[in-house]
């Protein structure tokens, strides 16, 4: 379990609409790709069209690279199906790997449970690789559970990038 703690980090993010989600996520994804990170997505709802629209309006150099990421929905929440997507992490052997998860509370919990199992099983293959699990929550759906969400993550992601939770929420004290 100790290796698991060192090789993975949980980050949370909050958004108010799909457009807010896409525009908040874009700078982080773009910067991560420039740093040669591997990005795997588990999205309950398809955001491909929103991402394509954003990139076409911004006319950016590496927009094509962002569009190569799978922005379509992944309805499968079974271990074997997710394992196929996660194999890119062990095959590409990139030093930094980002797993973006977005959906309902039930969907995010299922994917995280499978990820924990997958990381334990592939612990040896993941040695020297960093995995960032970014759970993206729609504020209106999770408003009552924000303290619980913050307590189960190390950092928070917003348009300015990854930040310590205490930087974003003055006076925040972890209660777990």
N, C-alpha and C. Protein backbone atom coordinates (compact mmCIF):
# COMPACT_ATOMS: atom_id res chain seq x y z
N UNK A 1 0.82 -1.21 0.00
CA UNK A 1 0.00 0.00 0.00
C UNK A 1 0.86 1.26 0.00
N UNK A 2 2.05 1.17 0.60
CA UNK A 2 2.96 2.31 0.65
C UNK A 2 3.34 2.79 -0.76
N UNK A 3 3.63 1.84 -1.66
CA UNK A 3 3.99 2.19 -3.03
C UNK A 3 2.83 2.91 -3.72
N UNK A 4 1.62 2.49 -3.43
CA UNK A 4 0.43 3.11 -4.00
C UNK A 4 0.37 4.59 -3.62
N UNK A 5 0.62 4.90 -2.37
CA UNK A 5 0.57 6.28 -1.91
C UNK A 5 1.61 7.14 -2.64
N UNK A 6 2.81 6.58 -2.85
CA UNK A 6 3.88 7.34 -3.48
C UNK A 6 3.66 7.53 -4.98
N UNK A 7 3.05 6.57 -5.64
CA UNK A 7 2.95 6.64 -7.09
C UNK A 7 1.68 7.34 -7.58
N UNK A 8 0.69 7.53 -6.71
CA UNK A 8 -0.54 8.17 -7.18
C UNK A 8 -0.93 9.33 -6.27
N UNK A 9 -1.67 10.25 -6.88
CA UNK A 9 -2.13 11.44 -6.17
C UNK A 9 -3.54 11.73 -6.64
N UNK A 10 -4.42 12.09 -5.72
CA UNK A 10 -5.80 12.42 -6.08
C UNK A 10 -6.00 13.93 -6.05
N UNK A 11 -6.62 14.41 -7.12
CA UNK A 11 -6.89 15.83 -7.29
C UNK A 11 -8.39 15.97 -7.58
N UNK A 12 -9.02 16.97 -7.00
CA UNK A 12 -10.43 17.20 -7.30
C UNK A 12 -10.59 18.51 -8.06
N UNK A 13 -11.69 18.62 -8.75
CA UNK A 13 -12.00 19.83 -9.48
C UNK A 13 -13.51 20.01 -9.45
N UNK A 14 -13.95 21.25 -9.47
CA UNK A 14 -15.37 21.56 -9.44
C UNK A 14 -15.72 22.47 -10.61
N UNK A 15 -16.88 22.26 -11.20
CA UNK A 15 -17.31 23.09 -12.32
C UNK A 15 -18.83 23.27 -12.24
N UNK A 16 -19.34 24.29 -12.96
CA UNK A 16 -20.77 24.59 -12.89
C UNK A 16 -21.55 24.20 -14.15
N UNK A 17 -20.84 23.96 -15.26
CA UNK A 17 -21.50 23.53 -16.51
C UNK A 17 -20.46 22.79 -17.35
N UNK A 18 -20.93 22.11 -18.39
CA UNK A 18 -19.99 21.40 -19.26
C UNK A 18 -19.03 22.37 -19.94
N UNK A 19 -19.50 23.56 -20.32
CA UNK A 19 -18.60 24.54 -20.93
C UNK A 19 -17.57 25.04 -19.92
N UNK A 20 -17.98 25.25 -18.71
CA UNK A 20 -17.03 25.64 -17.67
C UNK A 20 -15.99 24.53 -17.48
N UNK A 21 -16.44 23.29 -17.47
CA UNK A 21 -15.56 22.13 -17.33
C UNK A 21 -14.51 22.11 -18.44
N UNK A 22 -14.96 22.26 -19.68
CA UNK A 22 -14.04 22.20 -20.83
C UNK A 22 -13.05 23.36 -20.79
N UNK A 23 -13.52 24.57 -20.53
CA UNK A 23 -12.61 25.72 -20.53
C UNK A 23 -11.68 25.71 -19.33
N UNK A 24 -12.10 25.14 -18.22
CA UNK A 24 -11.24 25.03 -17.04
C UNK A 24 -10.18 23.94 -17.27
N UNK A 25 -10.58 22.86 -17.89
CA UNK A 25 -9.70 21.72 -18.09
C UNK A 25 -8.66 21.96 -19.19
N UNK A 26 -9.03 22.71 -20.22
CA UNK A 26 -8.17 22.88 -21.38
C UNK A 26 -6.74 23.35 -21.07
N UNK A 27 -6.54 24.43 -20.30
CA UNK A 27 -5.16 24.87 -20.03
C UNK A 27 -4.33 23.80 -19.31
N UNK A 28 -4.95 23.07 -18.41
CA UNK A 28 -4.26 22.01 -17.68
C UNK A 28 -3.84 20.88 -18.62
N UNK A 29 -4.75 20.48 -19.49
CA UNK A 29 -4.46 19.41 -20.44
C UNK A 29 -3.37 19.85 -21.41
N UNK A 30 -3.51 21.05 -21.92
CA UNK A 30 -2.51 21.58 -22.87
C UNK A 30 -1.12 21.62 -22.25
N UNK A 31 -1.02 22.14 -21.04
CA UNK A 31 0.28 22.21 -20.35
C UNK A 31 0.82 20.80 -20.08
N UNK A 32 -0.05 19.89 -19.66
CA UNK A 32 0.38 18.52 -19.37
C UNK A 32 0.91 17.83 -20.61
N UNK A 33 0.27 18.06 -21.75
CA UNK A 33 0.75 17.48 -23.00
C UNK A 33 2.10 18.06 -23.41
N UNK A 34 2.28 19.36 -23.18
CA UNK A 34 3.57 19.99 -23.47
C UNK A 34 4.68 19.37 -22.62
N UNK A 35 4.32 18.94 -21.42
CA UNK A 35 5.28 18.28 -20.52
C UNK A 35 5.33 16.77 -20.77
N UNK A 36 4.71 16.33 -21.86
CA UNK A 36 4.72 14.95 -22.32
C UNK A 36 4.03 13.97 -21.38
N UNK A 37 2.99 14.41 -20.74
CA UNK A 37 2.20 13.51 -19.89
C UNK A 37 1.27 12.67 -20.76
N UNK A 38 0.92 11.53 -20.25
CA UNK A 38 -0.06 10.65 -20.88
C UNK A 38 -1.40 10.94 -20.21
N UNK A 39 -2.46 11.12 -21.00
CA UNK A 39 -3.76 11.45 -20.43
C UNK A 39 -4.78 10.40 -20.86
N UNK A 40 -5.46 9.82 -19.87
CA UNK A 40 -6.51 8.84 -20.09
C UNK A 40 -7.79 9.41 -19.49
N UNK A 41 -8.91 9.29 -20.20
CA UNK A 41 -10.15 9.86 -19.71
C UNK A 41 -11.21 8.79 -19.44
N UNK A 42 -12.00 9.04 -18.42
CA UNK A 42 -13.20 8.26 -18.12
C UNK A 42 -14.32 9.29 -17.90
N UNK A 43 -15.09 9.51 -18.94
CA UNK A 43 -16.13 10.54 -18.93
C UNK A 43 -17.49 9.88 -19.08
N UNK A 44 -18.38 10.20 -18.16
CA UNK A 44 -19.72 9.65 -18.27
C UNK A 44 -20.49 10.30 -19.43
N UNK A 45 -20.21 11.58 -19.66
CA UNK A 45 -20.84 12.30 -20.78
C UNK A 45 -19.78 12.73 -21.78
N UNK A 46 -20.12 12.63 -23.04
CA UNK A 46 -19.26 12.99 -24.15
C UNK A 46 -19.04 14.51 -24.17
N UNK A 47 -17.79 14.97 -24.22
CA UNK A 47 -17.51 16.40 -24.33
C UNK A 47 -16.67 16.71 -25.57
N UNK A 48 -16.57 15.74 -26.47
CA UNK A 48 -15.74 15.90 -27.66
C UNK A 48 -16.14 17.13 -28.48
N UNK A 49 -17.43 17.31 -28.73
CA UNK A 49 -17.89 18.44 -29.54
C UNK A 49 -17.53 19.77 -28.87
N UNK A 50 -17.71 19.86 -27.56
CA UNK A 50 -17.35 21.09 -26.84
C UNK A 50 -15.85 21.37 -26.96
N UNK A 51 -15.03 20.33 -26.82
CA UNK A 51 -13.58 20.50 -26.92
C UNK A 51 -13.19 20.93 -28.34
N UNK A 52 -13.81 20.33 -29.35
CA UNK A 52 -13.53 20.71 -30.74
C UNK A 52 -13.91 22.16 -31.00
N UNK A 53 -15.07 22.59 -30.50
CA UNK A 53 -15.53 23.97 -30.67
C UNK A 53 -14.56 24.94 -30.00
N UNK A 54 -14.17 24.65 -28.78
CA UNK A 54 -13.24 25.52 -28.05
C UNK A 54 -11.92 25.66 -28.80
N UNK A 55 -11.36 24.56 -29.25
CA UNK A 55 -10.07 24.59 -29.94
C UNK A 55 -10.18 25.33 -31.28
N UNK A 56 -11.27 25.12 -32.01
CA UNK A 56 -11.43 25.80 -33.30
C UNK A 56 -11.55 27.31 -33.11
N UNK A 57 -12.21 27.75 -32.05
CA UNK A 57 -12.37 29.19 -31.81
C UNK A 57 -11.06 29.83 -31.32
N UNK A 58 -10.21 29.04 -30.66
CA UNK A 58 -8.97 29.59 -30.12
C UNK A 58 -7.82 29.51 -31.13
N UNK A 59 -7.93 28.65 -32.14
CA UNK A 59 -6.92 28.50 -33.18
C UNK A 59 -5.51 28.33 -32.59
N UNK A 60 -5.35 27.30 -31.78
CA UNK A 60 -4.09 27.06 -31.08
C UNK A 60 -3.20 26.08 -31.82
N UNK A 61 -1.89 26.23 -31.61
CA UNK A 61 -0.91 25.37 -32.25
C UNK A 61 -1.09 23.90 -31.90
N UNK A 62 -1.18 23.59 -30.62
CA UNK A 62 -1.25 22.18 -30.24
C UNK A 62 -2.68 21.71 -29.98
N UNK A 63 -3.65 22.37 -30.60
CA UNK A 63 -5.04 21.95 -30.44
C UNK A 63 -5.28 20.55 -30.94
N UNK A 64 -4.61 20.18 -32.02
CA UNK A 64 -4.76 18.84 -32.59
C UNK A 64 -4.34 17.77 -31.58
N UNK A 65 -3.27 18.04 -30.85
CA UNK A 65 -2.78 17.10 -29.84
C UNK A 65 -3.82 16.91 -28.73
N UNK A 66 -4.50 17.96 -28.35
CA UNK A 66 -5.55 17.87 -27.32
C UNK A 66 -6.72 17.04 -27.85
N UNK A 67 -7.03 17.20 -29.13
CA UNK A 67 -8.15 16.46 -29.72
C UNK A 67 -7.84 14.97 -29.89
N UNK A 68 -6.57 14.59 -29.82
CA UNK A 68 -6.21 13.17 -29.93
C UNK A 68 -6.58 12.40 -28.66
N UNK A 69 -6.87 13.12 -27.60
CA UNK A 69 -7.33 12.48 -26.36
C UNK A 69 -8.76 12.03 -26.58
N UNK A 70 -9.15 10.94 -25.95
CA UNK A 70 -10.51 10.42 -26.09
C UNK A 70 -11.45 11.22 -25.19
N UNK A 71 -12.22 12.12 -25.80
CA UNK A 71 -13.16 12.97 -25.06
C UNK A 71 -14.58 12.42 -25.13
N UNK A 72 -14.73 11.18 -25.62
CA UNK A 72 -16.06 10.58 -25.71
C UNK A 72 -16.40 9.90 -24.39
N UNK A 73 -17.66 9.59 -24.23
CA UNK A 73 -18.09 8.97 -22.97
C UNK A 73 -17.62 7.53 -22.89
N UNK A 74 -17.40 7.10 -21.68
CA UNK A 74 -17.00 5.72 -21.39
C UNK A 74 -18.04 5.17 -20.43
N UNK A 75 -19.04 4.51 -20.96
CA UNK A 75 -20.14 4.01 -20.13
C UNK A 75 -19.76 2.75 -19.37
N UNK A 76 -18.75 2.05 -19.85
CA UNK A 76 -18.34 0.80 -19.20
C UNK A 76 -17.71 1.09 -17.84
N UNK A 77 -18.17 0.39 -16.84
CA UNK A 77 -17.57 0.54 -15.51
C UNK A 77 -17.16 -0.82 -14.96
N UNK A 78 -16.77 -1.72 -15.85
CA UNK A 78 -16.27 -3.03 -15.46
C UNK A 78 -14.75 -3.03 -15.53
N UNK A 79 -14.14 -3.78 -14.66
CA UNK A 79 -12.68 -3.80 -14.57
C UNK A 79 -12.02 -4.13 -15.90
N UNK A 80 -12.47 -5.18 -16.59
CA UNK A 80 -11.83 -5.61 -17.82
C UNK A 80 -11.89 -4.55 -18.91
N UNK A 81 -13.00 -3.85 -19.00
CA UNK A 81 -13.14 -2.79 -20.00
C UNK A 81 -12.21 -1.61 -19.68
N UNK A 82 -12.18 -1.21 -18.42
CA UNK A 82 -11.32 -0.08 -18.04
C UNK A 82 -9.85 -0.45 -18.14
N UNK A 83 -9.53 -1.70 -17.88
CA UNK A 83 -8.16 -2.17 -17.97
C UNK A 83 -7.59 -1.92 -19.37
N UNK A 84 -8.42 -2.07 -20.39
CA UNK A 84 -7.97 -1.83 -21.77
C UNK A 84 -7.51 -0.38 -21.95
N UNK A 85 -8.26 0.56 -21.41
CA UNK A 85 -7.88 1.97 -21.53
C UNK A 85 -6.65 2.28 -20.69
N UNK A 86 -6.56 1.65 -19.53
CA UNK A 86 -5.46 1.93 -18.61
C UNK A 86 -4.13 1.32 -19.07
N UNK A 87 -4.18 0.36 -19.96
CA UNK A 87 -2.95 -0.26 -20.45
C UNK A 87 -2.03 0.75 -21.12
N UNK A 88 -2.58 1.84 -21.62
CA UNK A 88 -1.75 2.88 -22.23
C UNK A 88 -0.72 3.40 -21.24
N UNK A 89 -1.06 3.39 -19.97
CA UNK A 89 -0.13 3.88 -18.94
C UNK A 89 1.08 2.96 -18.83
N UNK A 90 0.84 1.67 -18.77
CA UNK A 90 1.96 0.73 -18.63
C UNK A 90 2.71 0.55 -19.95
N UNK A 91 2.04 0.73 -21.07
CA UNK A 91 2.69 0.55 -22.37
C UNK A 91 3.52 1.77 -22.77
N UNK A 92 2.99 2.96 -22.57
CA UNK A 92 3.70 4.18 -22.99
C UNK A 92 4.84 4.55 -22.04
N UNK A 93 4.73 4.13 -20.79
CA UNK A 93 5.78 4.36 -19.78
C UNK A 93 6.16 5.84 -19.65
N UNK A 94 5.17 6.72 -19.75
CA UNK A 94 5.43 8.15 -19.53
C UNK A 94 5.62 8.37 -18.04
N UNK A 95 6.50 9.28 -17.70
CA UNK A 95 6.79 9.53 -16.29
C UNK A 95 5.55 10.03 -15.54
N UNK A 96 4.76 10.87 -16.22
CA UNK A 96 3.54 11.39 -15.58
C UNK A 96 2.32 10.94 -16.37
N UNK A 97 1.33 10.45 -15.64
CA UNK A 97 0.09 9.96 -16.23
C UNK A 97 -1.08 10.60 -15.51
N UNK A 98 -2.01 11.12 -16.28
CA UNK A 98 -3.17 11.80 -15.71
C UNK A 98 -4.42 11.03 -16.13
N UNK A 99 -5.22 10.69 -15.13
CA UNK A 99 -6.48 10.01 -15.39
C UNK A 99 -7.59 10.98 -15.01
N UNK A 100 -8.33 11.45 -16.02
CA UNK A 100 -9.42 12.40 -15.81
C UNK A 100 -10.73 11.64 -15.71
N UNK A 101 -11.47 11.91 -14.63
CA UNK A 101 -12.75 11.23 -14.40
C UNK A 101 -13.81 12.30 -14.20
N UNK A 102 -14.94 12.13 -14.90
CA UNK A 102 -16.02 13.09 -14.80
C UNK A 102 -17.35 12.37 -14.94
N UNK A 103 -18.28 12.67 -14.05
CA UNK A 103 -19.61 12.06 -14.14
C UNK A 103 -20.36 12.18 -12.83
N UNK A 104 -21.38 11.37 -12.69
CA UNK A 104 -22.18 11.36 -11.47
C UNK A 104 -21.35 10.82 -10.31
N UNK A 105 -21.85 11.00 -9.11
CA UNK A 105 -21.15 10.50 -7.92
C UNK A 105 -20.94 8.99 -8.03
N UNK A 106 -21.96 8.28 -8.43
CA UNK A 106 -21.87 6.84 -8.57
C UNK A 106 -20.80 6.45 -9.59
N UNK A 107 -20.77 7.12 -10.73
CA UNK A 107 -19.80 6.84 -11.79
C UNK A 107 -18.37 7.10 -11.29
N UNK A 108 -18.15 8.25 -10.67
CA UNK A 108 -16.81 8.60 -10.17
C UNK A 108 -16.35 7.58 -9.13
N UNK A 109 -17.25 7.18 -8.23
CA UNK A 109 -16.89 6.19 -7.21
C UNK A 109 -16.53 4.84 -7.82
N UNK A 110 -17.33 4.39 -8.81
CA UNK A 110 -17.04 3.11 -9.47
C UNK A 110 -15.68 3.14 -10.16
N UNK A 111 -15.41 4.19 -10.90
CA UNK A 111 -14.14 4.29 -11.62
C UNK A 111 -12.98 4.34 -10.62
N UNK A 112 -13.12 5.09 -9.54
CA UNK A 112 -12.05 5.17 -8.54
C UNK A 112 -11.81 3.82 -7.87
N UNK A 113 -12.85 3.06 -7.59
CA UNK A 113 -12.71 1.73 -7.00
C UNK A 113 -11.93 0.82 -7.94
N UNK A 114 -12.28 0.86 -9.22
CA UNK A 114 -11.57 0.04 -10.20
C UNK A 114 -10.12 0.51 -10.34
N UNK A 115 -9.89 1.81 -10.32
CA UNK A 115 -8.52 2.34 -10.41
C UNK A 115 -7.66 1.87 -9.24
N UNK A 116 -8.22 1.91 -8.04
CA UNK A 116 -7.46 1.45 -6.87
C UNK A 116 -7.07 -0.01 -7.03
N UNK A 117 -7.99 -0.82 -7.50
CA UNK A 117 -7.71 -2.24 -7.74
C UNK A 117 -6.64 -2.38 -8.82
N UNK A 118 -6.77 -1.64 -9.91
CA UNK A 118 -5.83 -1.71 -11.02
C UNK A 118 -4.42 -1.30 -10.58
N UNK A 119 -4.33 -0.24 -9.80
CA UNK A 119 -3.02 0.23 -9.32
C UNK A 119 -2.38 -0.83 -8.43
N UNK A 120 -3.16 -1.46 -7.56
CA UNK A 120 -2.62 -2.52 -6.70
C UNK A 120 -2.11 -3.70 -7.52
N UNK A 121 -2.88 -4.11 -8.51
CA UNK A 121 -2.49 -5.25 -9.35
C UNK A 121 -1.24 -4.94 -10.17
N UNK A 122 -1.13 -3.72 -10.68
CA UNK A 122 -0.01 -3.34 -11.56
C UNK A 122 1.07 -2.55 -10.84
N UNK A 123 1.13 -2.68 -9.54
CA UNK A 123 2.06 -1.91 -8.72
C UNK A 123 3.50 -1.97 -9.24
N UNK A 124 3.98 -3.16 -9.58
CA UNK A 124 5.36 -3.32 -10.04
C UNK A 124 5.57 -2.60 -11.38
N UNK A 125 4.63 -2.74 -12.31
CA UNK A 125 4.73 -2.09 -13.61
C UNK A 125 4.67 -0.57 -13.49
N UNK A 126 4.05 -0.09 -12.44
CA UNK A 126 3.86 1.36 -12.27
C UNK A 126 5.00 2.01 -11.50
N UNK A 127 5.96 1.22 -11.06
CA UNK A 127 7.09 1.76 -10.31
C UNK A 127 7.77 2.86 -11.13
N UNK A 128 8.10 3.94 -10.50
CA UNK A 128 8.74 5.12 -11.10
C UNK A 128 7.82 5.93 -12.01
N UNK A 129 6.54 5.58 -12.05
CA UNK A 129 5.58 6.37 -12.81
C UNK A 129 4.68 7.12 -11.83
N UNK A 130 4.33 8.32 -12.18
CA UNK A 130 3.43 9.10 -11.34
C UNK A 130 2.05 9.09 -11.97
N UNK A 131 1.05 8.83 -11.15
CA UNK A 131 -0.33 8.81 -11.62
C UNK A 131 -1.12 9.86 -10.85
N UNK A 132 -1.73 10.76 -11.60
CA UNK A 132 -2.61 11.77 -11.01
C UNK A 132 -4.03 11.40 -11.40
N UNK A 133 -4.85 11.19 -10.40
CA UNK A 133 -6.26 10.89 -10.63
C UNK A 133 -7.03 12.18 -10.37
N UNK A 134 -7.63 12.73 -11.42
CA UNK A 134 -8.34 14.00 -11.33
C UNK A 134 -9.83 13.72 -11.42
N UNK A 135 -10.51 13.85 -10.28
CA UNK A 135 -11.96 13.64 -10.21
C UNK A 135 -12.64 15.00 -10.37
N UNK A 136 -13.49 15.11 -11.39
CA UNK A 136 -14.14 16.38 -11.70
C UNK A 136 -15.62 16.31 -11.33
N UNK A 137 -16.03 17.19 -10.43
CA UNK A 137 -17.37 17.18 -9.85
C UNK A 137 -18.17 18.40 -10.29
N UNK A 138 -19.41 18.17 -10.70
CA UNK A 138 -20.30 19.29 -11.00
C UNK A 138 -20.84 19.81 -9.66
N UNK A 139 -20.65 21.09 -9.40
CA UNK A 139 -20.97 21.68 -8.10
C UNK A 139 -22.42 21.45 -7.71
N UNK A 140 -23.35 21.60 -8.62
CA UNK A 140 -24.76 21.46 -8.27
C UNK A 140 -25.10 20.06 -7.79
N UNK A 141 -24.39 19.04 -8.28
CA UNK A 141 -24.66 17.67 -7.87
C UNK A 141 -23.98 17.32 -6.55
N UNK A 142 -22.84 17.93 -6.26
CA UNK A 142 -22.05 17.54 -5.11
C UNK A 142 -21.95 18.61 -4.04
N UNK A 143 -22.76 19.63 -4.10
CA UNK A 143 -22.67 20.77 -3.20
C UNK A 143 -22.66 20.37 -1.72
N UNK A 144 -23.47 19.39 -1.33
CA UNK A 144 -23.56 18.99 0.07
C UNK A 144 -22.36 18.18 0.54
N UNK A 145 -21.61 17.60 -0.38
CA UNK A 145 -20.50 16.71 -0.02
C UNK A 145 -19.13 17.33 -0.25
N UNK A 146 -19.03 18.64 -0.38
CA UNK A 146 -17.75 19.25 -0.73
C UNK A 146 -16.68 18.98 0.32
N UNK A 147 -17.00 19.06 1.59
CA UNK A 147 -16.01 18.78 2.65
C UNK A 147 -15.49 17.34 2.52
N UNK A 148 -16.39 16.42 2.31
CA UNK A 148 -16.01 15.00 2.13
C UNK A 148 -15.12 14.82 0.90
N UNK A 149 -15.45 15.49 -0.19
CA UNK A 149 -14.65 15.42 -1.41
C UNK A 149 -13.26 15.99 -1.16
N UNK A 150 -13.19 17.17 -0.56
CA UNK A 150 -11.90 17.79 -0.29
C UNK A 150 -11.03 16.90 0.60
N UNK A 151 -11.63 16.27 1.60
CA UNK A 151 -10.88 15.42 2.52
C UNK A 151 -10.28 14.20 1.83
N UNK A 152 -10.86 13.76 0.73
CA UNK A 152 -10.37 12.55 0.07
C UNK A 152 -9.43 12.86 -1.11
N UNK A 153 -8.99 14.12 -1.24
CA UNK A 153 -8.08 14.52 -2.31
C UNK A 153 -6.91 15.32 -1.72
N UNK A 154 -5.77 15.26 -2.40
CA UNK A 154 -4.59 16.01 -1.94
C UNK A 154 -4.58 17.44 -2.45
N UNK A 155 -5.08 17.65 -3.66
CA UNK A 155 -5.04 18.98 -4.29
C UNK A 155 -6.35 19.27 -4.98
N UNK A 156 -6.44 20.51 -5.50
CA UNK A 156 -7.61 20.93 -6.27
C UNK A 156 -7.11 21.53 -7.59
N UNK A 157 -7.87 21.31 -8.64
CA UNK A 157 -7.52 21.82 -9.96
C UNK A 157 -8.52 22.90 -10.35
N UNK A 158 -8.01 24.04 -10.83
CA UNK A 158 -8.88 25.08 -11.38
C UNK A 158 -8.16 25.67 -12.60
N UNK A 159 -8.63 26.78 -13.12
CA UNK A 159 -8.01 27.35 -14.32
C UNK A 159 -6.56 27.76 -14.10
N UNK A 160 -6.15 27.98 -12.86
CA UNK A 160 -4.77 28.34 -12.56
C UNK A 160 -3.88 27.11 -12.40
N UNK A 161 -4.45 25.91 -12.50
CA UNK A 161 -3.66 24.68 -12.37
C UNK A 161 -3.91 24.00 -11.03
N UNK A 162 -2.99 23.11 -10.67
CA UNK A 162 -3.09 22.38 -9.41
C UNK A 162 -2.70 23.28 -8.24
N UNK A 163 -3.51 23.26 -7.21
CA UNK A 163 -3.25 24.08 -6.02
C UNK A 163 -3.51 23.25 -4.78
N UNK A 164 -2.85 23.61 -3.69
CA UNK A 164 -3.18 23.00 -2.41
C UNK A 164 -4.59 23.44 -2.04
N UNK A 165 -5.34 22.55 -1.44
CA UNK A 165 -6.72 22.86 -1.10
C UNK A 165 -6.80 24.07 -0.17
N UNK A 166 -5.88 24.17 0.77
CA UNK A 166 -5.91 25.29 1.72
C UNK A 166 -5.68 26.64 1.02
N UNK A 167 -5.02 26.64 -0.14
CA UNK A 167 -4.85 27.87 -0.91
C UNK A 167 -6.18 28.35 -1.49
N UNK A 168 -7.03 27.41 -1.85
CA UNK A 168 -8.29 27.73 -2.50
C UNK A 168 -9.41 28.01 -1.50
N UNK A 169 -9.36 27.32 -0.37
CA UNK A 169 -10.41 27.47 0.64
C UNK A 169 -9.76 27.91 1.95
N UNK A 170 -9.75 29.22 2.15
CA UNK A 170 -9.12 29.79 3.35
C UNK A 170 -9.75 29.20 4.59
N UNK A 171 -8.93 28.75 5.51
CA UNK A 171 -9.42 28.19 6.75
C UNK A 171 -9.77 26.72 6.67
N UNK A 172 -9.57 26.11 5.50
CA UNK A 172 -9.90 24.67 5.34
C UNK A 172 -9.00 23.83 6.23
N UNK A 173 -9.60 22.94 6.97
CA UNK A 173 -8.86 21.96 7.79
C UNK A 173 -9.34 20.58 7.42
N UNK A 174 -8.42 19.70 7.06
CA UNK A 174 -8.75 18.31 6.72
C UNK A 174 -9.34 17.62 7.95
N UNK A 175 -10.45 16.91 7.77
CA UNK A 175 -11.11 16.27 8.89
C UNK A 175 -11.19 14.75 8.72
N UNK A 176 -10.17 14.14 8.13
CA UNK A 176 -10.24 12.68 7.97
C UNK A 176 -9.18 11.95 8.74
